[in-house]
PDB file of all heavy atoms in Angstrom:
ATOM      1  N   GLY A   1      -0.774  33.894  -7.741  1.00  0.00           N
ATOM      2  CA  GLY A   1       0.436  33.284  -8.203  1.00  0.00           C
ATOM      3  C   GLY A   1       0.767  31.984  -7.441  1.00  0.00           C
ATOM      4  O   GLY A   1       1.218  30.952  -8.013  1.00  0.00           O
ATOM      5  N   ILE A   2       0.541  32.000  -6.128  1.00  0.00           N
ATOM      6  CA  ILE A   2       0.908  30.826  -5.356  1.00  0.00           C
ATOM      7  C   ILE A   2      -0.081  29.739  -5.755  1.00  0.00           C
ATOM      8  O   ILE A   2       0.212  28.636  -5.796  1.00  0.00           O
ATOM      9  CB  ILE A   2       0.695  31.158  -3.895  1.00  0.00           C
ATOM     10  CG1 ILE A   2       1.977  32.163  -3.402  1.00  0.00           C
ATOM     11  CG2 ILE A   2       0.790  29.896  -2.970  1.00  0.00           C
ATOM     12  CD1 ILE A   2       3.250  31.486  -3.435  1.00  0.00           C
ATOM     13  N   ALA A   3      -1.399  30.150  -5.859  1.00  0.00           N
ATOM     14  CA  ALA A   3      -2.446  29.157  -6.381  1.00  0.00           C
ATOM     15  C   ALA A   3      -2.031  28.514  -7.673  1.00  0.00           C
ATOM     16  O   ALA A   3      -2.188  27.346  -7.790  1.00  0.00           O
ATOM     17  CB  ALA A   3      -3.739  29.883  -6.518  1.00  0.00           C
ATOM     18  N   CYS A   4      -1.494  29.232  -8.627  1.00  0.00           N
ATOM     19  CA  CYS A   4      -1.031  28.730  -9.848  1.00  0.00           C
ATOM     20  C   CYS A   4       0.137  27.794  -9.672  1.00  0.00           C
ATOM     21  O   CYS A   4       0.183  26.661 -10.381  1.00  0.00           O
ATOM     22  CB  CYS A   4      -0.460  29.847 -10.792  1.00  0.00           C
ATOM     23  SG  CYS A   4      -1.837  30.798 -11.476  1.00  0.00           S
ATOM     24  N   GLN A   5       0.929  27.986  -8.776  1.00  0.00           N
ATOM     25  CA  GLN A   5       2.236  27.095  -8.542  1.00  0.00           C
ATOM     26  C   GLN A   5       1.690  25.792  -7.930  1.00  0.00           C
ATOM     27  O   GLN A   5       2.160  24.728  -8.247  1.00  0.00           O
ATOM     28  CB  GLN A   5       3.225  27.715  -7.666  1.00  0.00           C
ATOM     29  CG  GLN A   5       3.924  28.945  -8.244  1.00  0.00           C
ATOM     30  CD  GLN A   5       4.751  29.658  -7.274  1.00  0.00           C
ATOM     31  OE1 GLN A   5       5.488  29.120  -6.485  1.00  0.00           O
ATOM     32  NE2 GLN A   5       4.685  30.997  -7.401  1.00  0.00           N
ATOM     33  N   MET A   6       0.701  25.755  -7.077  1.00  0.00           N
ATOM     34  CA  MET A   6       0.035  24.624  -6.557  1.00  0.00           C
ATOM     35  C   MET A   6      -0.557  23.869  -7.676  1.00  0.00           C
ATOM     36  O   MET A   6      -0.440  22.667  -7.758  1.00  0.00           O
ATOM     37  CB  MET A   6      -0.926  25.041  -5.490  1.00  0.00           C
ATOM     38  CG  MET A   6      -0.396  25.584  -4.140  1.00  0.00           C
ATOM     39  SD  MET A   6      -1.967  25.630  -3.105  1.00  0.00           S
ATOM     40  CE  MET A   6      -1.318  26.907  -2.000  1.00  0.00           C
ATOM     41  N   ALA A   7      -1.365  24.600  -8.509  1.00  0.00           N
ATOM     42  CA  ALA A   7      -1.972  23.961  -9.620  1.00  0.00           C
ATOM     43  C   ALA A   7      -1.073  23.213 -10.645  1.00  0.00           C
ATOM     44  O   ALA A   7      -1.306  22.214 -11.181  1.00  0.00           O
ATOM     45  CB  ALA A   7      -2.835  24.972 -10.313  1.00  0.00           C
ATOM     46  N   ASP A   8       0.090  23.940 -10.757  1.00  0.00           N
ATOM     47  CA  ASP A   8       1.094  23.321 -11.667  1.00  0.00           C
ATOM     48  C   ASP A   8       1.723  21.994 -11.091  1.00  0.00           C
ATOM     49  O   ASP A   8       1.871  21.047 -11.756  1.00  0.00           O
ATOM     50  CB  ASP A   8       2.324  24.362 -11.947  1.00  0.00           C
ATOM     51  CG  ASP A   8       1.806  25.516 -12.721  1.00  0.00           C
ATOM     52  OD1 ASP A   8       0.835  25.380 -13.448  1.00  0.00           O
ATOM     53  OD2 ASP A   8       2.494  26.524 -12.674  1.00  0.00           O
ATOM     54  N   ALA A   9       1.962  22.038  -9.698  1.00  0.00           N
ATOM     55  CA  ALA A   9       2.448  20.851  -9.040  1.00  0.00           C
ATOM     56  C   ALA A   9       1.448  19.732  -9.157  1.00  0.00           C
ATOM     57  O   ALA A   9       1.873  18.574  -9.441  1.00  0.00           O
ATOM     58  CB  ALA A   9       2.790  21.159  -7.621  1.00  0.00           C
ATOM     59  N   ALA A  10       0.170  20.046  -8.892  1.00  0.00           N
ATOM     60  CA  ALA A  10      -0.842  19.157  -9.028  1.00  0.00           C
ATOM     61  C   ALA A  10      -1.121  18.488 -10.506  1.00  0.00           C
ATOM     62  O   ALA A  10      -1.073  17.260 -10.620  1.00  0.00           O
ATOM     63  CB  ALA A  10      -2.222  19.688  -8.522  1.00  0.00           C
ATOM     64  N   ALA A  11      -1.066  19.334 -11.493  1.00  0.00           N
ATOM     65  CA  ALA A  11      -1.249  18.919 -12.849  1.00  0.00           C
ATOM     66  C   ALA A  11      -0.071  17.994 -13.235  1.00  0.00           C
ATOM     67  O   ALA A  11      -0.398  17.034 -13.947  1.00  0.00           O
ATOM     68  CB  ALA A  11      -1.319  20.164 -13.742  1.00  0.00           C
ATOM     69  N   ALA A  12       1.077  18.313 -12.921  1.00  0.00           N
ATOM     70  CA  ALA A  12       2.173  17.531 -13.306  1.00  0.00           C
ATOM     71  C   ALA A  12       2.149  16.098 -12.596  1.00  0.00           C
ATOM     72  O   ALA A  12       2.324  15.120 -13.198  1.00  0.00           O
ATOM     73  CB  ALA A  12       3.521  18.221 -12.916  1.00  0.00           C
ATOM     74  N   ASP A  13       1.738  16.183 -11.364  1.00  0.00           N
ATOM     75  CA  ASP A  13       1.559  14.797 -10.639  1.00  0.00           C
ATOM     76  C   ASP A  13       0.518  13.989 -11.225  1.00  0.00           C
ATOM     77  O   ASP A  13       0.556  12.747 -11.423  1.00  0.00           O
ATOM     78  CB  ASP A  13       1.357  15.122  -9.097  1.00  0.00           C
ATOM     79  CG  ASP A  13       1.752  13.904  -8.323  1.00  0.00           C
ATOM     80  OD1 ASP A  13       2.912  13.298  -8.528  1.00  0.00           O
ATOM     81  OD2 ASP A  13       0.892  13.513  -7.273  1.00  0.00           O
ATOM     82  N   ILE A  14      -0.631  14.621 -11.651  1.00  0.00           N
ATOM     83  CA  ILE A  14      -1.816  14.106 -12.221  1.00  0.00           C
ATOM     84  C   ILE A  14      -1.331  13.447 -13.599  1.00  0.00           C
ATOM     85  O   ILE A  14      -1.692  12.354 -13.978  1.00  0.00           O
ATOM     86  CB  ILE A  14      -3.021  14.926 -12.291  1.00  0.00           C
ATOM     87  CG1 ILE A  14      -3.485  15.231 -10.774  1.00  0.00           C
ATOM     88  CG2 ILE A  14      -4.041  14.238 -13.087  1.00  0.00           C
ATOM     89  CD1 ILE A  14      -4.568  16.250 -10.857  1.00  0.00           C
ATOM     90  N   ALA A  15      -0.627  14.219 -14.382  1.00  0.00           N
ATOM     91  CA  ALA A  15      -0.281  13.847 -15.687  1.00  0.00           C
ATOM     92  C   ALA A  15       0.638  12.528 -15.579  1.00  0.00           C
ATOM     93  O   ALA A  15       0.449  11.618 -16.367  1.00  0.00           O
ATOM     94  CB  ALA A  15       0.436  15.026 -16.313  1.00  0.00           C
ATOM     95  N   ARG A  16       1.600  12.619 -14.637  1.00  0.00           N
ATOM     96  CA  ARG A  16       2.552  11.380 -14.396  1.00  0.00           C
ATOM     97  C   ARG A  16       1.634  10.189 -14.118  1.00  0.00           C
ATOM     98  O   ARG A  16       1.788   8.992 -14.593  1.00  0.00           O
ATOM     99  CB  ARG A  16       3.471  11.637 -13.384  1.00  0.00           C
ATOM    100  CG  ARG A  16       4.438  10.406 -13.089  1.00  0.00           C
ATOM    101  CD  ARG A  16       4.932  10.396 -11.631  1.00  0.00           C
ATOM    102  NE  ARG A  16       3.740  10.395 -10.645  1.00  0.00           N
ATOM    103  CZ  ARG A  16       3.166   9.215 -10.425  1.00  0.00           C
ATOM    104  NH1 ARG A  16       3.492   8.107 -10.930  1.00  0.00           N
ATOM    105  NH2 ARG A  16       2.189   9.196  -9.425  1.00  0.00           N
ATOM    106  N   TRP A  17       0.706  10.462 -13.144  1.00  0.00           N
ATOM    107  CA  TRP A  17      -0.261   9.352 -12.681  1.00  0.00           C
ATOM    108  C   TRP A  17      -1.077   8.705 -13.916  1.00  0.00           C
ATOM    109  O   TRP A  17      -1.266   7.546 -13.937  1.00  0.00           O
ATOM    110  CB  TRP A  17      -1.166   9.901 -11.603  1.00  0.00           C
ATOM    111  CG  TRP A  17      -2.347   9.087 -11.294  1.00  0.00           C
ATOM    112  CD1 TRP A  17      -2.471   8.025 -10.474  1.00  0.00           C
ATOM    113  CD2 TRP A  17      -3.640   9.125 -11.903  1.00  0.00           C
ATOM    114  NE1 TRP A  17      -3.758   7.516 -10.543  1.00  0.00           N
ATOM    115  CE2 TRP A  17      -4.430   8.201 -11.380  1.00  0.00           C
ATOM    116  CE3 TRP A  17      -4.110  10.015 -12.877  1.00  0.00           C
ATOM    117  CZ2 TRP A  17      -5.904   8.062 -11.693  1.00  0.00           C
ATOM    118  CZ3 TRP A  17      -5.585   9.863 -13.346  1.00  0.00           C
ATOM    119  CH2 TRP A  17      -6.355   8.867 -12.636  1.00  0.00           C
ATOM    120  N   ALA A  18      -1.368   9.666 -14.899  1.00  0.00           N
ATOM    121  CA  ALA A  18      -2.266   9.251 -15.947  1.00  0.00           C
ATOM    122  C   ALA A  18      -1.337   8.538 -17.029  1.00  0.00           C
ATOM    123  O   ALA A  18      -1.856   8.057 -17.998  1.00  0.00           O
ATOM    124  CB  ALA A  18      -2.949  10.416 -16.558  1.00  0.00           C
ATOM    125  N   GLY A  19      -0.046   8.598 -16.892  1.00  0.00           N
ATOM    126  CA  GLY A  19       0.738   7.862 -17.853  1.00  0.00           C
ATOM    127  C   GLY A  19       1.592   8.686 -18.740  1.00  0.00           C
ATOM    128  O   GLY A  19       2.383   8.254 -19.605  1.00  0.00           O
ATOM    129  N   ALA A  20       1.509  10.129 -18.571  1.00  0.00           N
ATOM    130  CA  ALA A  20       2.343  11.012 -19.380  1.00  0.00           C
ATOM    131  C   ALA A  20       3.782  10.984 -18.924  1.00  0.00           C
ATOM    132  O   ALA A  20       4.088  10.670 -17.680  1.00  0.00           O
ATOM    133  CB  ALA A  20       1.737  12.396 -19.270  1.00  0.00           C
ATOM    134  N   ASP A  21       4.648  11.182 -19.811  1.00  0.00           N
ATOM    135  CA  ASP A  21       6.094  11.158 -19.527  1.00  0.00           C
ATOM    136  C   ASP A  21       6.473  12.563 -18.979  1.00  0.00           C
ATOM    137  O   ASP A  21       7.042  13.468 -19.655  1.00  0.00           O
ATOM    138  CB  ASP A  21       6.825  10.976 -20.939  1.00  0.00           C
ATOM    139  CG  ASP A  21       8.374  10.864 -20.596  1.00  0.00           C
ATOM    140  OD1 ASP A  21       8.756  10.650 -19.466  1.00  0.00           O
ATOM    141  OD2 ASP A  21       9.149  10.972 -21.631  1.00  0.00           O
ATOM    142  N   VAL A  22       6.270  12.679 -17.641  1.00  0.00           N
ATOM    143  CA  VAL A  22       6.386  13.917 -16.923  1.00  0.00           C
ATOM    144  C   VAL A  22       7.050  13.615 -15.578  1.00  0.00           C
ATOM    145  O   VAL A  22       6.740  12.513 -14.996  1.00  0.00           O
ATOM    146  CB  VAL A  22       5.030  14.550 -16.620  1.00  0.00           C
ATOM    147  CG1 VAL A  22       5.282  15.868 -15.801  1.00  0.00           C
ATOM    148  CG2 VAL A  22       4.427  15.006 -17.901  1.00  0.00           C
ATOM    149  N   THR A  23       8.060  14.308 -15.268  1.00  0.00           N
ATOM    150  CA  THR A  23       8.644  14.193 -13.908  1.00  0.00           C
ATOM    151  C   THR A  23       8.130  15.393 -13.001  1.00  0.00           C
ATOM    152  O   THR A  23       8.619  16.561 -13.223  1.00  0.00           O
ATOM    153  CB  THR A  23      10.246  14.307 -14.050  1.00  0.00           C
ATOM    154  OG1 THR A  23      10.673  13.242 -14.906  1.00  0.00           O
ATOM    155  CG2 THR A  23      10.811  14.093 -12.620  1.00  0.00           C
ATOM    156  N   PRO A  24       7.274  15.173 -12.104  1.00  0.00           N
ATOM    157  CA  PRO A  24       6.690  16.242 -11.272  1.00  0.00           C
ATOM    158  C   PRO A  24       7.716  16.876 -10.358  1.00  0.00           C
ATOM    159  O   PRO A  24       8.485  16.123  -9.742  1.00  0.00           O
ATOM    160  CB  PRO A  24       5.556  15.628 -10.506  1.00  0.00           C
ATOM    161  CG  PRO A  24       5.381  14.320 -11.140  1.00  0.00           C
ATOM    162  CD  PRO A  24       6.639  13.837 -11.766  1.00  0.00           C
ATOM    163  N   GLU A  25       7.696  18.230 -10.489  1.00  0.00           N
ATOM    164  CA  GLU A  25       8.537  19.004  -9.406  1.00  0.00           C
ATOM    165  C   GLU A  25       7.648  19.285  -8.164  1.00  0.00           C
ATOM    166  O   GLU A  25       6.491  19.607  -8.401  1.00  0.00           O
ATOM    167  CB  GLU A  25       9.098  20.219  -9.932  1.00  0.00           C
ATOM    168  CG  GLU A  25      10.065  19.989 -11.197  1.00  0.00           C
ATOM    169  CD  GLU A  25      11.343  19.237 -10.825  1.00  0.00           C
ATOM    170  OE1 GLU A  25      11.661  19.241  -9.547  1.00  0.00           O
ATOM    171  OE2 GLU A  25      12.149  18.911 -11.699  1.00  0.00           O
ATOM    172  N   PRO A  26       8.271  19.284  -7.048  1.00  0.00           N
ATOM    173  CA  PRO A  26       7.403  19.739  -5.789  1.00  0.00           C
ATOM    174  C   PRO A  26       7.076  21.143  -5.822  1.00  0.00           C
ATOM    175  O   PRO A  26       7.717  21.900  -6.441  1.00  0.00           O
ATOM    176  CB  PRO A  26       8.356  19.253  -4.660  1.00  0.00           C
ATOM    177  CG  PRO A  26       9.675  19.359  -5.251  1.00  0.00           C
ATOM    178  CD  PRO A  26       9.624  18.879  -6.637  1.00  0.00           C
ATOM    179  N   PHE A  27       6.058  21.448  -5.118  1.00  0.00           N
ATOM    180  CA  PHE A  27       5.603  22.774  -4.831  1.00  0.00           C
ATOM    181  C   PHE A  27       6.648  23.449  -4.005  1.00  0.00           C
ATOM    182  O   PHE A  27       6.727  23.164  -2.869  1.00  0.00           O
ATOM    183  CB  PHE A  27       4.154  22.831  -4.215  1.00  0.00           C
ATOM    184  CG  PHE A  27       3.666  24.125  -3.719  1.00  0.00           C
ATOM    185  CD1 PHE A  27       3.734  25.194  -4.471  1.00  0.00           C
ATOM    186  CD2 PHE A  27       3.251  24.161  -2.411  1.00  0.00           C
ATOM    187  CE1 PHE A  27       3.209  26.426  -4.058  1.00  0.00           C
ATOM    188  CE2 PHE A  27       2.762  25.340  -1.902  1.00  0.00           C
ATOM    189  CZ  PHE A  27       2.877  26.572  -2.748  1.00  0.00           C
ATOM    190  N   ARG A  28       7.321  24.416  -4.547  1.00  0.00           N
ATOM    191  CA  ARG A  28       8.332  25.201  -3.832  1.00  0.00           C
ATOM    192  C   ARG A  28       7.865  26.664  -4.001  1.00  0.00           C
ATOM    193  O   ARG A  28       8.303  27.352  -5.012  1.00  0.00           O
ATOM    194  CB  ARG A  28       9.708  24.962  -4.234  1.00  0.00           C
ATOM    195  CG  ARG A  28      10.270  23.579  -3.974  1.00  0.00           C
ATOM    196  CD  ARG A  28      10.525  23.598  -2.487  1.00  0.00           C
ATOM    197  NE  ARG A  28      11.148  22.235  -2.052  1.00  0.00           N
ATOM    198  CZ  ARG A  28      10.245  21.210  -1.520  1.00  0.00           C
ATOM    199  NH1 ARG A  28       9.071  21.433  -1.282  1.00  0.00           N
ATOM    200  NH2 ARG A  28      10.947  20.164  -1.148  1.00  0.00           N
ATOM    201  N   PRO A  29       7.030  27.212  -3.097  1.00  0.00           N
ATOM    202  CA  PRO A  29       6.322  28.543  -3.466  1.00  0.00           C
ATOM    203  C   PRO A  29       7.370  29.740  -3.473  1.00  0.00           C
ATOM    204  O   PRO A  29       8.206  29.896  -2.603  1.00  0.00           O
ATOM    205  CB  PRO A  29       5.469  28.672  -2.225  1.00  0.00           C
ATOM    206  CG  PRO A  29       6.123  27.790  -1.163  1.00  0.00           C
ATOM    207  CD  PRO A  29       6.782  26.686  -1.771  1.00  0.00           C
ATOM    208  N   VAL A  30       7.177  30.523  -4.597  1.00  0.00           N
ATOM    209  CA  VAL A  30       7.888  31.733  -4.774  1.00  0.00           C
ATOM    210  C   VAL A  30       6.774  32.758  -4.870  1.00  0.00           C
ATOM    211  O   VAL A  30       6.063  32.685  -5.821  1.00  0.00           O
ATOM    212  CB  VAL A  30       8.786  31.754  -5.983  1.00  0.00           C
ATOM    213  CG1 VAL A  30       9.486  33.176  -6.212  1.00  0.00           C
ATOM    214  CG2 VAL A  30       9.842  30.635  -5.945  1.00  0.00           C
ATOM    215  N   LEU A  31       6.782  33.727  -4.033  1.00  0.00           N
ATOM    216  CA  LEU A  31       5.746  34.843  -3.990  1.00  0.00           C
ATOM    217  C   LEU A  31       6.158  35.888  -4.877  1.00  0.00           C
ATOM    218  O   LEU A  31       7.178  36.590  -4.788  1.00  0.00           O
ATOM    219  CB  LEU A  31       5.576  35.294  -2.520  1.00  0.00           C
ATOM    220  CG  LEU A  31       4.390  36.355  -2.331  1.00  0.00           C
ATOM    221  CD1 LEU A  31       3.047  35.729  -2.709  1.00  0.00           C
ATOM    222  CD2 LEU A  31       4.416  36.821  -0.906  1.00  0.00           C
ATOM    223  N   ARG A  32       5.199  36.145  -5.915  1.00  0.00           N
ATOM    224  CA  ARG A  32       5.501  37.300  -6.840  1.00  0.00           C
ATOM    225  C   ARG A  32       4.293  38.229  -6.822  1.00  0.00           C
ATOM    226  O   ARG A  32       3.173  37.789  -6.941  1.00  0.00           O
ATOM    227  CB  ARG A  32       5.688  36.781  -8.258  1.00  0.00           C
ATOM    228  CG  ARG A  32       6.882  35.821  -8.412  1.00  0.00           C
ATOM    229  CD  ARG A  32       6.896  35.241  -9.825  1.00  0.00           C
ATOM    230  NE  ARG A  32       8.102  34.414 -10.047  1.00  0.00           N
ATOM    231  CZ  ARG A  32       8.123  33.155  -9.777  1.00  0.00           C
ATOM    232  NH1 ARG A  32       7.210  32.396  -9.401  1.00  0.00           N
ATOM    233  NH2 ARG A  32       9.349  32.436 -10.047  1.00  0.00           N
ATOM    234  N   GLY A  33       4.593  39.495  -6.609  1.00  0.00           N
ATOM    235  CA  GLY A  33       3.529  40.405  -6.382  1.00  0.00           C
ATOM    236  C   GLY A  33       3.796  41.643  -7.257  1.00  0.00           C
ATOM    237  O   GLY A  33       4.872  42.239  -7.329  1.00  0.00           O
ATOM    238  N   LYS A  34       2.763  42.081  -8.055  1.00  0.00           N
ATOM    239  CA  LYS A  34       2.828  43.329  -8.842  1.00  0.00           C
ATOM    240  C   LYS A  34       1.887  44.360  -8.094  1.00  0.00           C
ATOM    241  O   LYS A  34       0.651  44.203  -8.154  1.00  0.00           O
ATOM    242  CB  LYS A  34       2.274  43.083 -10.277  1.00  0.00           C
ATOM    243  CG  LYS A  34       2.401  44.267 -11.259  1.00  0.00           C
ATOM    244  CD  LYS A  34       1.922  43.711 -12.538  1.00  0.00           C
ATOM    245  CE  LYS A  34       2.015  44.876 -13.587  1.00  0.00           C
ATOM    246  NZ  LYS A  34       1.587  44.427 -14.932  1.00  0.00           N
ATOM    247  N   LEU A  35       2.449  45.227  -7.390  1.00  0.00           N
ATOM    248  CA  LEU A  35       1.753  46.332  -6.607  1.00  0.00           C
ATOM    249  C   LEU A  35       1.342  47.451  -7.464  1.00  0.00           C
ATOM    250  O   LEU A  35       2.270  48.218  -8.089  1.00  0.00           O
ATOM    251  CB  LEU A  35       2.562  46.777  -5.417  1.00  0.00           C
ATOM    252  CG  LEU A  35       1.925  47.710  -4.546  1.00  0.00           C
ATOM    253  CD1 LEU A  35       0.868  47.172  -3.685  1.00  0.00           C
ATOM    254  CD2 LEU A  35       3.061  48.387  -3.676  1.00  0.00           C
ATOM    255  N   LEU A  36      -0.056  47.569  -7.686  1.00  0.00           N
ATOM    256  CA  LEU A  36      -0.475  48.741  -8.592  1.00  0.00           C
ATOM    257  C   LEU A  36      -0.467  49.980  -7.681  1.00  0.00           C
ATOM    258  O   LEU A  36      -0.999  49.932  -6.587  1.00  0.00           O
ATOM    259  CB  LEU A  36      -1.872  48.442  -9.115  1.00  0.00           C
ATOM    260  CG  LEU A  36      -1.937  47.217 -10.022  1.00  0.00           C
ATOM    261  CD1 LEU A  36      -3.333  47.104 -10.466  1.00  0.00           C
ATOM    262  CD2 LEU A  36      -0.956  47.212 -11.180  1.00  0.00           C
ATOM    263  N   THR A  37       0.013  51.098  -8.188  1.00  0.00           N
ATOM    264  CA  THR A  37       0.122  52.424  -7.397  1.00  0.00           C
ATOM    265  C   THR A  37      -0.559  53.537  -8.049  1.00  0.00           C
ATOM    266  O   THR A  37      -0.757  54.633  -7.402  1.00  0.00           O
ATOM    267  CB  THR A  37       1.568  52.617  -7.231  1.00  0.00           C
ATOM    268  OG1 THR A  37       2.179  53.001  -8.466  1.00  0.00           O
ATOM    269  CG2 THR A  37       2.399  51.648  -6.628  1.00  0.00           C
ATOM    270  N   GLY A  38      -1.050  53.324  -9.227  1.00  0.00           N
ATOM    271  CA  GLY A  38      -1.682  54.445 -10.034  1.00  0.00           C
ATOM    272  C   GLY A  38      -0.603  55.064 -10.947  1.00  0.00           C
ATOM    273  O   GLY A  38      -0.939  55.750 -11.899  1.00  0.00           O
ATOM    274  N   GLY A  39       0.671  54.788 -10.645  1.00  0.00           N
ATOM    275  CA  GLY A  39       1.873  55.216 -11.535  1.00  0.00           C
ATOM    276  C   GLY A  39       2.541  53.917 -11.943  1.00  0.00           C
ATOM    277  O   GLY A  39       1.907  52.967 -12.312  1.00  0.00           O
TER     278      GLY A  39
END
């Protein structure tokens, strides 16, 4: 999930650089975990 947030920050920055109408937001990591327990 953290890797995805970095990728989103990078993609938005690249899109802006390429000329898209995008305002990139900085990478502000929020850790989300789904712990599988068998139940």
